[in-house]
Each structure stands twice: as structure tokens, then as C-alpha cells.
C-alpha atoms as a PDB file:
ATOM      1  CA  MET A   1       6.144   6.502 -11.894  1.00  0.00           C
ATOM      2  CA  LYS A   2       3.694   7.034  -9.038  1.00  0.00           C
ATOM      3  CA  ILE A   3       0.447   5.061  -9.215  1.00  0.00           C
ATOM      4  CA  TYR A   4      -2.504   5.970  -7.015  1.00  0.00           C
ATOM      5  CA  PRO A   5      -5.598   3.991  -5.954  1.00  0.00           C
ATOM      6  CA  GLY A   6      -7.877   3.373  -8.928  1.00  0.00           C
ATOM      7  CA  GLU A   7      -5.060   3.415 -11.482  1.00  0.00           C
ATOM      8  CA  ILE A   8      -4.568  -0.360 -11.844  1.00  0.00           C
ATOM      9  CA  ASN A   9      -4.917  -0.276 -15.648  1.00  0.00           C
ATOM     10  CA  LYS A  10      -2.271   2.435 -15.875  1.00  0.00           C
ATOM     11  CA  ALA A  11       0.012   0.394 -13.604  1.00  0.00           C
ATOM     12  CA  ILE A  12      -0.384  -2.746 -15.714  1.00  0.00           C
ATOM     13  CA  GLU A  13       0.482  -0.891 -18.913  1.00  0.00           C
ATOM     14  CA  ILE A  14       3.598   0.643 -17.361  1.00  0.00           C
ATOM     15  CA  LEU A  15       4.715  -2.753 -16.059  1.00  0.00           C
ATOM     16  CA  ARG A  16       4.132  -4.322 -19.498  1.00  0.00           C
ATOM     17  CA  GLU A  17       6.504  -1.723 -20.926  1.00  0.00           C
ATOM     18  CA  GLY A  18       9.158  -3.013 -18.523  1.00  0.00           C
ATOM     19  CA  LYS A  19       9.124   0.114 -16.368  1.00  0.00           C
ATOM     20  CA  SER A  20       8.785   0.201 -12.589  1.00  0.00           C
ATOM     21  CA  ILE A  21       5.997   1.781 -10.577  1.00  0.00           C
ATOM     22  CA  ASN A  22       5.660   3.275  -7.103  1.00  0.00           C
ATOM     23  CA  TYR A  23       2.207   2.456  -5.726  1.00  0.00           C
ATOM     24  CA  GLU A  24       1.008   5.236  -3.432  1.00  0.00           C
ATOM     25  CA  GLY A  25      -1.771   3.466  -1.522  1.00  0.00           C
ATOM     26  CA  VAL A  26      -4.435   5.053   0.601  1.00  0.00           C
ATOM     27  CA  THR A  27      -2.691   4.112   3.849  1.00  0.00           C
ATOM     28  CA  SER A  28       0.582   6.013   3.335  1.00  0.00           C
ATOM     29  CA  VAL A  29       2.472   2.926   4.515  1.00  0.00           C
ATOM     30  CA  GLU A  30       5.726   2.588   2.593  1.00  0.00           C
ATOM     31  CA  PHE A  31       7.810  -0.514   1.969  1.00  0.00           C
ATOM     32  CA  ASP A  32      11.519  -0.995   1.423  1.00  0.00           C
ATOM     33  CA  LYS A  33      12.917  -3.118  -1.419  1.00  0.00           C
ATOM     34  CA  PHE A  34      12.486  -6.257   0.720  1.00  0.00           C
ATOM     35  CA  GLY A  35       8.793  -5.612   1.432  1.00  0.00           C
ATOM     36  CA  ASP A  36       9.313  -4.528   5.038  1.00  0.00           C
ATOM     37  CA  THR A  37       7.325  -1.521   6.273  1.00  0.00           C
ATOM     38  CA  LEU A  38       8.957   1.815   6.995  1.00  0.00           C
ATOM     39  CA  GLY A  39       7.825   3.866   9.964  1.00  0.00           C
ATOM     40  CA  LEU A  40       5.005   3.045  12.380  1.00  0.00           C
ATOM     41  CA  PHE A  41       1.379   2.193  11.806  1.00  0.00           C
ATOM     42  CA  LEU A  42      -1.465   0.644  13.774  1.00  0.00           C
ATOM     43  CA  GLU A  43      -2.846  -2.667  12.538  1.00  0.00           C
ATOM     44  CA  VAL A  44      -6.600  -2.810  13.219  1.00  0.00           C
ATOM     45  CA  ASP A  45      -9.413  -5.361  13.109  1.00  0.00           C
ATOM     46  CA  LEU A  46     -12.899  -4.525  11.879  1.00  0.00           C
ATOM     47  CA  LYS A  47     -15.506  -6.632  13.639  1.00  0.00           C
ATOM     48  CA  LYS A  48     -19.225  -5.977  13.773  1.00  0.00           C
ATOM     49  CA  GLY A  49     -18.692  -2.505  12.342  1.00  0.00           C
ATOM     50  CA  LYS A  50     -16.150  -1.446  14.954  1.00  0.00           C
ATOM     51  CA  LEU A  51     -12.412  -0.854  14.626  1.00  0.00           C
ATOM     52  CA  LYS A  52     -10.176  -2.267  17.332  1.00  0.00           C
ATOM     53  CA  GLY A  53      -6.457  -1.610  17.560  1.00  0.00           C
ATOM     54  CA  LYS A  54      -4.568  -4.868  17.174  1.00  0.00           C
ATOM     55  CA  LYS A  55      -0.842  -4.207  16.920  1.00  0.00           C
ATOM     56  CA  LEU A  56       1.495  -1.236  16.586  1.00  0.00           C
ATOM     57  CA  ARG A  57       4.057  -2.006  13.911  1.00  0.00           C
END
């Protein structure tokens, strides 16, 4: 079952029923079953209102 941002209550109920969920976050970063990221993304820092690229993962 796909869960989107803002659906935490729905996610909790599904998990209580013993079912699994697939959280579709706002970043589109996906994880494998070990928690490692799939694909590439840029890690950024937000300091003093400005974004600065930190690391390409």
C-alpha cells in the first residue's frame, strides 16, 4: 500500500493490521530492503536561508 506525505495516520492503521506500507516521500528517493538508497541524489545543507550542495550520493 502506497503512503504519501501527510498520511501518517493511515500508515499507522495499516501497520497495526500487520500489513506493509510503501512510503512515497516528497524526495522520490527510494530505499532497498536494507535501507540503502537506490539511484543518485544530491545531499544539501540549508544555512542562513541558502542551499549548498554537500554530497552526491
